[in-house]
Amino acid sequence: MVHDHVFVVFGPLLIKRKQIIDISMSGLSYFDIENQPTRSIGLNILAENSLYFDDRISFIPISKSEVVHHPDNSAKTYRYAVQFMGLTRNQKSQLKNFIHTRTLGRA
């Protein structure tokens, strides 16, 4: 489980921001109300208002599931999972450090 206020960001300007649920060395999952997975050339992670990685990380969407609907929320929510692709040695090192410092328990 990831600490609060840690987001995955997408898009050329990295402005589409979604709360990260889980993260590992192979990928991450996040919540979104959109019915289609994000299409982007890469992602980054935003923590404490700073981008975590020097370069965007390539990824592919691997799963989507609908989250149990809450009566007080009219929008459907989906959980998406993405797999990281072609991580550089530096990105792997940064990701390992991120998981160690920004997750609760073992990721």
PDB file of N, CA and C in Angstrom:
ATOM      1  N   MET A   1       0.846  -1.171   0.000  1.00  0.00           N
ATOM      2  CA  MET A   1       0.000   0.000   0.000  1.00  0.00           C
ATOM      3  C   MET A   1       0.897   1.242   0.000  1.00  0.00           C
ATOM      4  N   VAL A   2       0.491   2.217  -0.777  1.00  0.00           N
ATOM      5  CA  VAL A   2       1.293   3.430  -0.958  1.00  0.00           C
ATOM      6  C   VAL A   2       0.797   4.533  -0.020  1.00  0.00           C
ATOM      7  N   HIS A   3       1.707   5.340   0.478  1.00  0.00           N
ATOM      8  CA  HIS A   3       1.331   6.482   1.322  1.00  0.00           C
ATOM      9  C   HIS A   3       0.342   7.390   0.594  1.00  0.00           C
ATOM     10  N   ASP A   4      -0.423   8.167   1.346  1.00  0.00           N
ATOM     11  CA  ASP A   4      -1.337   9.155   0.763  1.00  0.00           C
ATOM     12  C   ASP A   4      -0.553  10.217   0.004  1.00  0.00           C
ATOM     13  N   HIS A   5      -1.240  10.873  -0.910  1.00  0.00           N
ATOM     14  CA  HIS A   5      -0.682  11.989  -1.677  1.00  0.00           C
ATOM     15  C   HIS A   5       0.487  11.576  -2.560  1.00  0.00           C
ATOM     16  N   VAL A   6       0.414  10.356  -3.079  1.00  0.00           N
ATOM     17  CA  VAL A   6       1.380   9.873  -4.061  1.00  0.00           C
ATOM     18  C   VAL A   6       0.571   9.489  -5.289  1.00  0.00           C
ATOM     19  N   PHE A   7       0.912  10.096  -6.430  1.00  0.00           N
ATOM     20  CA  PHE A   7       0.093   9.954  -7.626  1.00  0.00           C
ATOM     21  C   PHE A   7       0.916   9.471  -8.809  1.00  0.00           C
ATOM     22  N   VAL A   8       0.243   8.750  -9.709  1.00  0.00           N
ATOM     23  CA  VAL A   8       0.812   8.469 -11.013  1.00  0.00           C
ATOM     24  C   VAL A   8       0.339   9.608 -11.907  1.00  0.00           C
ATOM     25  N   VAL A   9       1.214  10.131 -12.753  1.00  0.00           N
ATOM     26  CA  VAL A   9       0.855  11.218 -13.660  1.00  0.00           C
ATOM     27  C   VAL A   9       1.142  10.786 -15.094  1.00  0.00           C
ATOM     28  N   PHE A  10       0.209  11.160 -15.984  1.00  0.00           N
ATOM     29  CA  PHE A  10       0.279  10.768 -17.386  1.00  0.00           C
ATOM     30  C   PHE A  10       0.241  11.993 -18.285  1.00  0.00           C
ATOM     31  N   GLY A  11       0.490  11.764 -19.555  1.00  0.00           N
ATOM     32  CA  GLY A  11       0.315  12.789 -20.578  1.00  0.00           C
ATOM     33  C   GLY A  11       1.597  13.518 -20.902  1.00  0.00           C
ATOM     34  N   PRO A  12       1.589  14.202 -22.061  1.00  0.00           N
ATOM     35  CA  PRO A  12       2.793  14.918 -22.487  1.00  0.00           C
ATOM     36  C   PRO A  12       3.247  15.953 -21.458  1.00  0.00           C
ATOM     37  N   LEU A  13       2.289  16.566 -20.789  1.00  0.00           N
ATOM     38  CA  LEU A  13       2.626  17.563 -19.766  1.00  0.00           C
ATOM     39  C   LEU A  13       2.509  16.995 -18.359  1.00  0.00           C
ATOM     40  N   LEU A  14       2.245  15.689 -18.279  1.00  0.00           N
ATOM     41  CA  LEU A  14       2.117  14.998 -17.000  1.00  0.00           C
ATOM     42  C   LEU A  14       1.102  15.677 -16.083  1.00  0.00           C
ATOM     43  N   ILE A  15      -0.062  16.042 -16.656  1.00  0.00           N
ATOM     44  CA  ILE A  15      -1.062  16.745 -15.858  1.00  0.00           C
ATOM     45  C   ILE A  15      -2.214  15.853 -15.403  1.00  0.00           C
ATOM     46  N   LYS A  16      -2.384  14.674 -16.010  1.00  0.00           N
ATOM     47  CA  LYS A  16      -3.436  13.766 -15.563  1.00  0.00           C
ATOM     48  C   LYS A  16      -2.900  13.001 -14.363  1.00  0.00           C
ATOM     49  N   ARG A  17      -3.512  13.207 -13.202  1.00  0.00           N
ATOM     50  CA  ARG A  17      -2.987  12.690 -11.940  1.00  0.00           C
ATOM     51  C   ARG A  17      -4.003  11.741 -11.304  1.00  0.00           C
ATOM     52  N   LYS A  18      -3.541  10.535 -10.902  1.00  0.00           N
ATOM     53  CA  LYS A  18      -4.394   9.525 -10.280  1.00  0.00           C
ATOM     54  C   LYS A  18      -3.704   8.948  -9.056  1.00  0.00           C
ATOM     55  N   GLN A  19      -4.487   8.706  -7.996  1.00  0.00           N
ATOM     56  CA  GLN A  19      -3.946   8.149  -6.751  1.00  0.00           C
ATOM     57  C   GLN A  19      -3.434   6.728  -6.972  1.00  0.00           C
ATOM     58  N   ILE A  20      -2.199   6.459  -6.568  1.00  0.00           N
ATOM     59  CA  ILE A  20      -1.631   5.113  -6.662  1.00  0.00           C
ATOM     60  C   ILE A  20      -2.146   4.281  -5.489  1.00  0.00           C
ATOM     61  N   ILE A  21      -2.556   3.048  -5.800  1.00  0.00           N
ATOM     62  CA  ILE A  21      -3.025   2.120  -4.769  1.00  0.00           C
ATOM     63  C   ILE A  21      -1.881   1.220  -4.323  1.00  0.00           C
ATOM     64  N   ASP A  22      -1.276   0.549  -5.293  1.00  0.00           N
ATOM     65  CA  ASP A  22      -0.194  -0.402  -5.040  1.00  0.00           C
ATOM     66  C   ASP A  22       0.907  -0.178  -6.058  1.00  0.00           C
ATOM     67  N   ILE A  23       2.123  -0.537  -5.681  1.00  0.00           N
ATOM     68  CA  ILE A  23       3.249  -0.429  -6.604  1.00  0.00           C
ATOM     69  C   ILE A  23       4.246  -1.543  -6.301  1.00  0.00           C
ATOM     70  N   SER A  24       4.895  -2.036  -7.351  1.00  0.00           N
ATOM     71  CA  SER A  24       5.945  -3.045  -7.204  1.00  0.00           C
ATOM     72  C   SER A  24       7.005  -2.746  -8.256  1.00  0.00           C
ATOM     73  N   MET A  25       8.026  -3.563  -8.315  1.00  0.00           N
ATOM     74  CA  MET A  25       9.075  -3.381  -9.316  1.00  0.00           C
ATOM     75  C   MET A  25       8.562  -3.661 -10.729  1.00  0.00           C
ATOM     76  N   SER A  26       7.422  -4.319 -10.854  1.00  0.00           N
ATOM     77  CA  SER A  26       6.913  -4.644 -12.191  1.00  0.00           C
ATOM     78  C   SER A  26       5.794  -3.724 -12.664  1.00  0.00           C
ATOM     79  N   GLY A  27       5.139  -2.994 -11.758  1.00  0.00           N
ATOM     80  CA  GLY A  27       4.052  -2.122 -12.191  1.00  0.00           C
ATOM     81  C   GLY A  27       3.333  -1.482 -11.021  1.00  0.00           C
ATOM     82  N   LEU A  28       2.186  -0.862 -11.331  1.00  0.00           N
ATOM     83  CA  LEU A  28       1.399  -0.200 -10.295  1.00  0.00           C
ATOM     84  C   LEU A  28      -0.073  -0.279 -10.642  1.00  0.00           C
ATOM     85  N   SER A  29      -0.919   0.052  -9.652  1.00  0.00           N
ATOM     86  CA  SER A  29      -2.355   0.141  -9.894  1.00  0.00           C
ATOM     87  C   SER A  29      -2.861   1.461  -9.324  1.00  0.00           C
ATOM     88  N   TYR A  30      -3.963   1.928  -9.919  1.00  0.00           N
ATOM     89  CA  TYR A  30      -4.533   3.214  -9.529  1.00  0.00           C
ATOM     90  C   TYR A  30      -6.031   3.202  -9.780  1.00  0.00           C
ATOM     91  N   PHE A  31      -6.755   4.130  -9.125  1.00  0.00           N
ATOM     92  CA  PHE A  31      -8.186   4.303  -9.339  1.00  0.00           C
ATOM     93  C   PHE A  31      -8.426   5.387 -10.373  1.00  0.00           C
ATOM     94  N   ASP A  32      -9.511   5.205 -11.161  1.00  0.00           N
ATOM     95  CA  ASP A  32      -9.899   6.206 -12.157  1.00  0.00           C
ATOM     96  C   ASP A  32     -11.391   6.069 -12.410  1.00  0.00           C
ATOM     97  N   ILE A  33     -12.071   7.172 -12.725  1.00  0.00           N
ATOM     98  CA  ILE A  33     -13.490   7.100 -13.062  1.00  0.00           C
ATOM     99  C   ILE A  33     -13.709   6.957 -14.562  1.00  0.00           C
ATOM    100  N   GLU A  34     -12.649   7.056 -15.347  1.00  0.00           N
ATOM    101  CA  GLU A  34     -12.776   6.893 -16.793  1.00  0.00           C
ATOM    102  C   GLU A  34     -12.881   5.416 -17.137  1.00  0.00           C
ATOM    103  N   ASN A  35     -13.676   5.127 -18.185  1.00  0.00           N
ATOM    104  CA  ASN A  35     -13.937   3.749 -18.573  1.00  0.00           C
ATOM    105  C   ASN A  35     -12.868   3.183 -19.499  1.00  0.00           C
ATOM    106  N   GLN A  36     -11.905   3.969 -19.891  1.00  0.00           N
ATOM    107  CA  GLN A  36     -10.823   3.520 -20.770  1.00  0.00           C
ATOM    108  C   GLN A  36      -9.492   3.743 -20.069  1.00  0.00           C
ATOM    109  N   PRO A  37      -8.549   2.818 -20.261  1.00  0.00           N
ATOM    110  CA  PRO A  37      -7.235   3.040 -19.644  1.00  0.00           C
ATOM    111  C   PRO A  37      -6.547   4.249 -20.257  1.00  0.00           C
ATOM    112  N   THR A  38      -5.674   4.857 -19.517  1.00  0.00           N
ATOM    113  CA  THR A  38      -4.928   6.011 -19.997  1.00  0.00           C
ATOM    114  C   THR A  38      -3.977   5.598 -21.103  1.00  0.00           C
ATOM    115  N   ARG A  39      -3.986   6.358 -22.177  1.00  0.00           N
ATOM    116  CA  ARG A  39      -3.037   6.139 -23.272  1.00  0.00           C
ATOM    117  C   ARG A  39      -2.018   7.273 -23.180  1.00  0.00           C
ATOM    118  N   SER A  40      -0.773   6.912 -23.059  1.00  0.00           N
ATOM    119  CA  SER A  40       0.270   7.912 -22.873  1.00  0.00           C
ATOM    120  C   SER A  40       1.599   7.305 -23.272  1.00  0.00           C
ATOM    121  N   ILE A  41       2.546   8.166 -23.605  1.00  0.00           N
ATOM    122  CA  ILE A  41       3.868   7.660 -23.971  1.00  0.00           C
ATOM    123  C   ILE A  41       4.705   7.322 -22.747  1.00  0.00           C
ATOM    124  N   GLY A  42       4.228   7.674 -21.589  1.00  0.00           N
ATOM    125  CA  GLY A  42       4.973   7.366 -20.380  1.00  0.00           C
ATOM    126  C   GLY A  42       4.280   7.908 -19.147  1.00  0.00           C
ATOM    127  N   LEU A  43       4.784   7.511 -18.011  1.00  0.00           N
ATOM    128  CA  LEU A  43       4.226   7.977 -16.746  1.00  0.00           C
ATOM    129  C   LEU A  43       5.361   8.409 -15.832  1.00  0.00           C
ATOM    130  N   ASN A  44       4.975   9.115 -14.804  1.00  0.00           N
ATOM    131  CA  ASN A  44       5.909   9.477 -13.755  1.00  0.00           C
ATOM    132  C   ASN A  44       5.147   9.393 -12.449  1.00  0.00           C
ATOM    133  N   ILE A  45       5.820   9.581 -11.354  1.00  0.00           N
ATOM    134  CA  ILE A  45       5.190   9.536 -10.045  1.00  0.00           C
ATOM    135  C   ILE A  45       5.395  10.884  -9.376  1.00  0.00           C
ATOM    136  N   LEU A  46       4.304  11.403  -8.822  1.00  0.00           N
ATOM    137  CA  LEU A  46       4.318  12.689  -8.141  1.00  0.00           C
ATOM    138  C   LEU A  46       4.196  12.435  -6.642  1.00  0.00           C
ATOM    139  N   ALA A  47       5.175  12.876  -5.887  1.00  0.00           N
ATOM    140  CA  ALA A  47       5.166  12.737  -4.432  1.00  0.00           C
ATOM    141  C   ALA A  47       5.672  14.044  -3.842  1.00  0.00           C
ATOM    142  N   GLU A  48       4.931  14.573  -2.886  1.00  0.00           N
ATOM    143  CA  GLU A  48       5.289  15.847  -2.254  1.00  0.00           C
ATOM    144  C   GLU A  48       5.513  16.938  -3.295  1.00  0.00           C
ATOM    145  N   ASN A  49       4.626  16.983  -4.291  1.00  0.00           N
ATOM    146  CA  ASN A  49       4.634  17.993  -5.356  1.00  0.00           C
ATOM    147  C   ASN A  49       5.897  17.988  -6.209  1.00  0.00           C
ATOM    148  N   SER A  50       6.610  16.874  -6.233  1.00  0.00           N
ATOM    149  CA  SER A  50       7.797  16.744  -7.080  1.00  0.00           C
ATOM    150  C   SER A  50       7.713  15.453  -7.878  1.00  0.00           C
ATOM    151  N   LEU A  51       8.177  15.517  -9.136  1.00  0.00           N
ATOM    152  CA  LEU A  51       8.253  14.308  -9.943  1.00  0.00           C
ATOM    153  C   LEU A  51       9.390  13.446  -9.414  1.00  0.00           C
ATOM    154  N   TYR A  52       9.159  12.151  -9.343  1.00  0.00           N
ATOM    155  CA  TYR A  52      10.124  11.258  -8.711  1.00  0.00           C
ATOM    156  C   TYR A  52      11.214  10.773  -9.659  1.00  0.00           C
ATOM    157  N   PHE A  53      10.853  10.509 -10.913  1.00  0.00           N
ATOM    158  CA  PHE A  53      11.816   9.949 -11.863  1.00  0.00           C
ATOM    159  C   PHE A  53      12.364  11.021 -12.793  1.00  0.00           C
ATOM    160  N   ASP A  54      13.608  10.854 -13.215  1.00  0.00           N
ATOM    161  CA  ASP A  54      14.233  11.792 -14.147  1.00  0.00           C
ATOM    162  C   ASP A  54      13.595  11.703 -15.530  1.00  0.00           C
ATOM    163  N   ASP A  55      13.204  10.504 -15.940  1.00  0.00           N
ATOM    164  CA  ASP A  55      12.584  10.271 -17.247  1.00  0.00           C
ATOM    165  C   ASP A  55      11.267   9.542 -17.051  1.00  0.00           C
ATOM    166  N   ARG A  56      10.369   9.698 -18.019  1.00  0.00           N
ATOM    167  CA  ARG A  56       9.107   8.968 -17.974  1.00  0.00           C
ATOM    168  C   ARG A  56       9.359   7.474 -18.086  1.00  0.00           C
ATOM    169  N   ILE A  57       8.467   6.703 -17.475  1.00  0.00           N
ATOM    170  CA  ILE A  57       8.541   5.247 -17.527  1.00  0.00           C
ATOM    171  C   ILE A  57       7.538   4.747 -18.560  1.00  0.00           C
ATOM    172  N   SER A  58       7.995   3.900 -19.470  1.00  0.00           N
ATOM    173  CA  SER A  58       7.094   3.275 -20.440  1.00  0.00           C
ATOM    174  C   SER A  58       6.257   2.225 -19.725  1.00  0.00           C
ATOM    175  N   PHE A  59       5.013   2.024 -20.217  1.00  0.00           N
ATOM    176  CA  PHE A  59       4.119   1.068 -19.572  1.00  0.00           C
ATOM    177  C   PHE A  59       3.105   0.538 -20.572  1.00  0.00           C
ATOM    178  N   ILE A  60       2.454  -0.566 -20.183  1.00  0.00           N
ATOM    179  CA  ILE A  60       1.294  -1.068 -20.917  1.00  0.00           C
ATOM    180  C   ILE A  60       0.193  -1.361 -19.902  1.00  0.00           C
ATOM    181  N   PRO A  61      -1.078  -1.059 -20.258  1.00  0.00           N
ATOM    182  CA  PRO A  61      -2.191  -1.420 -19.374  1.00  0.00           C
ATOM    183  C   PRO A  61      -2.344  -2.942 -19.363  1.00  0.00           C
ATOM    184  N   ILE A  62      -2.568  -3.533 -18.188  1.00  0.00           N
ATOM    185  CA  ILE A  62      -2.732  -4.988 -18.143  1.00  0.00           C
ATOM    186  C   ILE A  62      -4.060  -5.446 -17.551  1.00  0.00           C
ATOM    187  N   SER A  63      -4.739  -4.606 -16.766  1.00  0.00           N
ATOM    188  CA  SER A  63      -6.043  -5.036 -16.255  1.00  0.00           C
ATOM    189  C   SER A  63      -6.899  -3.847 -15.852  1.00  0.00           C
ATOM    190  N   LYS A  64      -8.205  -4.124 -15.818  1.00  0.00           N
ATOM    191  CA  LYS A  64      -9.194  -3.129 -15.397  1.00  0.00           C
ATOM    192  C   LYS A  64     -10.300  -3.886 -14.678  1.00  0.00           C
ATOM    193  N   SER A  65     -10.731  -3.383 -13.531  1.00  0.00           N
ATOM    194  CA  SER A  65     -11.866  -3.987 -12.839  1.00  0.00           C
ATOM    195  C   SER A  65     -12.690  -2.883 -12.196  1.00  0.00           C
ATOM    196  N   GLU A  66     -14.005  -3.101 -12.165  1.00  0.00           N
ATOM    197  CA  GLU A  66     -14.888  -2.117 -11.558  1.00  0.00           C
ATOM    198  C   GLU A  66     -14.843  -2.286 -10.043  1.00  0.00           C
ATOM    199  N   VAL A  67     -14.739  -1.170  -9.353  1.00  0.00           N
ATOM    200  CA  VAL A  67     -14.715  -1.164  -7.896  1.00  0.00           C
ATOM    201  C   VAL A  67     -16.156  -1.181  -7.413  1.00  0.00           C
ATOM    202  N   VAL A  68     -16.401  -1.812  -6.278  1.00  0.00           N
ATOM    203  CA  VAL A  68     -17.752  -1.866  -5.719  1.00  0.00           C
ATOM    204  C   VAL A  68     -18.303  -0.450  -5.627  1.00  0.00           C
ATOM    205  N   HIS A  69     -19.507  -0.273  -6.151  1.00  0.00           N
ATOM    206  CA  HIS A  69     -20.139   1.045  -6.210  1.00  0.00           C
ATOM    207  C   HIS A  69     -20.646   1.455  -4.828  1.00  0.00           C
ATOM    208  N   HIS A  70     -20.330   2.667  -4.417  1.00  0.00           N
ATOM    209  CA  HIS A  70     -20.815   3.204  -3.150  1.00  0.00           C
ATOM    210  C   HIS A  70     -22.058   4.044  -3.411  1.00  0.00           C
ATOM    211  N   PRO A  71     -23.124   3.894  -2.617  1.00  0.00           N
ATOM    212  CA  PRO A  71     -24.381   4.620  -2.849  1.00  0.00           C
ATOM    213  C   PRO A  71     -24.232   6.137  -2.875  1.00  0.00           C
ATOM    214  N   ASP A  72     -23.277   6.694  -2.142  1.00  0.00           N
ATOM    215  CA  ASP A  72     -23.124   8.147  -2.102  1.00  0.00           C
ATOM    216  C   ASP A  72     -22.304   8.692  -3.263  1.00  0.00           C
ATOM    217  N   ASN A  73     -21.837   7.820  -4.148  1.00  0.00           N
ATOM    218  CA  ASN A  73     -21.039   8.253  -5.294  1.00  0.00           C
ATOM    219  C   ASN A  73     -21.698   7.746  -6.568  1.00  0.00           C
ATOM    220  N   SER A  74     -22.145   8.654  -7.428  1.00  0.00           N
ATOM    221  CA  SER A  74     -22.859   8.248  -8.638  1.00  0.00           C
ATOM    222  C   SER A  74     -21.924   7.783  -9.753  1.00  0.00           C
ATOM    223  N   ALA A  75     -20.649   8.130  -9.694  1.00  0.00           N
ATOM    224  CA  ALA A  75     -19.708   7.747 -10.750  1.00  0.00           C
ATOM    225  C   ALA A  75     -19.138   6.356 -10.476  1.00  0.00           C
ATOM    226  N   LYS A  76     -19.031   5.563 -11.535  1.00  0.00           N
ATOM    227  CA  LYS A  76     -18.367   4.267 -11.403  1.00  0.00           C
ATOM    228  C   LYS A  76     -16.870   4.514 -11.268  1.00  0.00           C
ATOM    229  N   THR A  77     -16.234   3.692 -10.483  1.00  0.00           N
ATOM    230  CA  THR A  77     -14.791   3.789 -10.302  1.00  0.00           C
ATOM    231  C   THR A  77     -14.158   2.485 -10.756  1.00  0.00           C
ATOM    232  N   TYR A  78     -13.007   2.609 -11.418  1.00  0.00           N
ATOM    233  CA  TYR A  78     -12.298   1.444 -11.928  1.00  0.00           C
ATOM    234  C   TYR A  78     -10.901   1.399 -11.332  1.00  0.00           C
ATOM    235  N   ARG A  79     -10.421   0.182 -11.167  1.00  0.00           N
ATOM    236  CA  ARG A  79      -9.038  -0.031 -10.740  1.00  0.00           C
ATOM    237  C   ARG A  79      -8.273  -0.510 -11.968  1.00  0.00           C
ATOM    238  N   TYR A  80      -7.238   0.215 -12.323  1.00  0.00           N
ATOM    239  CA  TYR A  80      -6.394  -0.144 -13.464  1.00  0.00           C
ATOM    240  C   TYR A  80      -5.032  -0.591 -12.959  1.00  0.00           C
ATOM    241  N   ALA A  81      -4.445  -1.534 -13.684  1.00  0.00           N
ATOM    242  CA  ALA A  81      -3.076  -1.961 -13.396  1.00  0.00           C
ATOM    243  C   ALA A  81      -2.258  -1.786 -14.664  1.00  0.00           C
ATOM    244  N   VAL A  82      -1.041  -1.306 -14.499  1.00  0.00           N
ATOM    245  CA  VAL A  82      -0.126  -1.149 -15.629  1.00  0.00           C
ATOM    246  C   VAL A  82       1.174  -1.871 -15.309  1.00  0.00           C
ATOM    247  N   GLN A  83       1.826  -2.345 -16.361  1.00  0.00           N
ATOM    248  CA  GLN A  83       3.121  -3.011 -16.229  1.00  0.00           C
ATOM    249  C   GLN A  83       4.190  -2.086 -16.782  1.00  0.00           C
ATOM    250  N   PHE A  84       5.266  -1.913 -16.028  1.00  0.00           N
ATOM    251  CA  PHE A  84       6.384  -1.101 -16.497  1.00  0.00           C
ATOM    252  C   PHE A  84       7.106  -1.836 -17.616  1.00  0.00           C
ATOM    253  N   MET A  85       7.614  -1.073 -18.582  1.00  0.00           N
ATOM    254  CA  MET A  85       8.319  -1.657 -19.724  1.00  0.00           C
ATOM    255  C   MET A  85       9.693  -1.007 -19.861  1.00  0.00           C
ATOM    256  N   GLY A  86      10.713  -1.812 -20.056  1.00  0.00           N
ATOM    257  CA  GLY A  86      12.050  -1.315 -20.379  1.00  0.00           C
ATOM    258  C   GLY A  86      12.655  -0.367 -19.373  1.00  0.00           C
ATOM    259  N   LEU A  87      12.529  -0.677 -18.093  1.00  0.00           N
ATOM    260  CA  LEU A  87      13.134   0.188 -17.076  1.00  0.00           C
ATOM    261  C   LEU A  87      14.651   0.220 -17.236  1.00  0.00           C
ATOM    262  N   THR A  88      15.205   1.411 -17.153  1.00  0.00           N
ATOM    263  CA  THR A  88      16.664   1.541 -17.177  1.00  0.00           C
ATOM    264  C   THR A  88      17.216   1.149 -15.805  1.00  0.00           C
ATOM    265  N   ARG A  89      18.506   0.976 -15.727  1.00  0.00           N
ATOM    266  CA  ARG A  89      19.141   0.650 -14.448  1.00  0.00           C
ATOM    267  C   ARG A  89      18.861   1.761 -13.425  1.00  0.00           C
ATOM    268  N   ASN A  90      18.932   3.013 -13.859  1.00  0.00           N
ATOM    269  CA  ASN A  90      18.673   4.142 -12.970  1.00  0.00           C
ATOM    270  C   ASN A  90      17.214   4.142 -12.500  1.00  0.00           C
ATOM    271  N   GLN A  91      16.272   3.886 -13.416  1.00  0.00           N
ATOM    272  CA  GLN A  91      14.861   3.843 -13.034  1.00  0.00           C
ATOM    273  C   GLN A  91      14.598   2.714 -12.041  1.00  0.00           C
ATOM    274  N   LYS A  92      15.229   1.564 -12.250  1.00  0.00           N
ATOM    275  CA  LYS A  92      15.066   0.449 -11.308  1.00  0.00           C
ATOM    276  C   LYS A  92      15.562   0.841  -9.921  1.00  0.00           C
ATOM    277  N   SER A  93      16.689   1.521  -9.866  1.00  0.00           N
ATOM    278  CA  SER A  93      17.238   1.962  -8.590  1.00  0.00           C
ATOM    279  C   SER A  93      16.306   2.972  -7.920  1.00  0.00           C
ATOM    280  N   GLN A  94      15.808   3.939  -8.695  1.00  0.00           N
ATOM    281  CA  GLN A  94      14.887   4.940  -8.158  1.00  0.00           C
ATOM    282  C   GLN A  94      13.593   4.285  -7.683  1.00  0.00           C
ATOM    283  N   LEU A  95      13.087   3.328  -8.459  1.00  0.00           N
ATOM    284  CA  LEU A  95      11.849   2.644  -8.101  1.00  0.00           C
ATOM    285  C   LEU A  95      12.026   1.840  -6.813  1.00  0.00           C
ATOM    286  N   LYS A  96      13.123   1.148  -6.691  1.00  0.00           N
ATOM    287  CA  LYS A  96      13.401   0.376  -5.476  1.00  0.00           C
ATOM    288  C   LYS A  96      13.435   1.298  -4.261  1.00  0.00           C
ATOM    289  N   ASN A  97      14.084   2.441  -4.390  1.00  0.00           N
ATOM    290  CA  ASN A  97      14.136   3.420  -3.306  1.00  0.00           C
ATOM    291  C   ASN A  97      12.740   3.962  -2.998  1.00  0.00           C
ATOM    292  N   PHE A  98      11.965   4.256  -4.035  1.00  0.00           N
ATOM    293  CA  PHE A  98      10.605   4.754  -3.844  1.00  0.00           C
ATOM    294  C   PHE A  98       9.774   3.746  -3.057  1.00  0.00           C
ATOM    295  N   ILE A  99       9.822   2.484  -3.461  1.00  0.00           N
ATOM    296  CA  ILE A  99       9.045   1.444  -2.781  1.00  0.00           C
ATOM    297  C   ILE A  99       9.467   1.337  -1.317  1.00  0.00           C
ATOM    298  N   HIS A 100      10.745   1.421  -1.066  1.00  0.00           N
ATOM    299  CA  HIS A 100      11.259   1.329   0.307  1.00  0.00           C
ATOM    300  C   HIS A 100      10.785   2.496   1.178  1.00  0.00           C
ATOM    301  N   THR A 101      10.724   3.695   0.613  1.00  0.00           N
ATOM    302  CA  THR A 101      10.413   4.882   1.417  1.00  0.00           C
ATOM    303  C   THR A 101       8.954   5.321   1.376  1.00  0.00           C
ATOM    304  N   ARG A 102       8.193   4.906   0.366  1.00  0.00           N
ATOM    305  CA  ARG A 102       6.841   5.445   0.182  1.00  0.00           C
ATOM    306  C   ARG A 102       5.721   4.423   0.276  1.00  0.00           C
ATOM    307  N   THR A 103       6.024   3.217   0.738  1.00  0.00           N
ATOM    308  CA  THR A 103       4.966   2.219   0.872  1.00  0.00           C
ATOM    309  C   THR A 103       4.882   1.740   2.314  1.00  0.00           C
ATOM    310  N   LEU A 104       3.718   1.217   2.651  1.00  0.00           N
ATOM    311  CA  LEU A 104       3.489   0.659   3.978  1.00  0.00           C
ATOM    312  C   LEU A 104       3.641  -0.848   3.869  1.00  0.00           C
ATOM    313  N   GLY A 105       4.513  -1.435   4.617  1.00  0.00           N
ATOM    314  CA  GLY A 105       4.745  -2.875   4.505  1.00  0.00           C
ATOM    315  C   GLY A 105       5.593  -3.167   3.298  1.00  0.00           C
ATOM    316  N   ARG A 106       5.520  -4.393   2.806  1.00  0.00           N
ATOM    317  CA  ARG A 106       6.325  -4.809   1.663  1.00  0.00           C
ATOM    318  C   ARG A 106       5.491  -4.746   0.409  1.00  0.00           C
ATOM    319  N   ALA A 107       6.066  -4.186  -0.657  1.00  0.00           N
ATOM    320  CA  ALA A 107       5.363  -4.077  -1.936  1.00  0.00           C
ATOM    321  C   ALA A 107       5.737  -5.243  -2.823  1.00  0.00           C
TER     322      ALA A 107
END
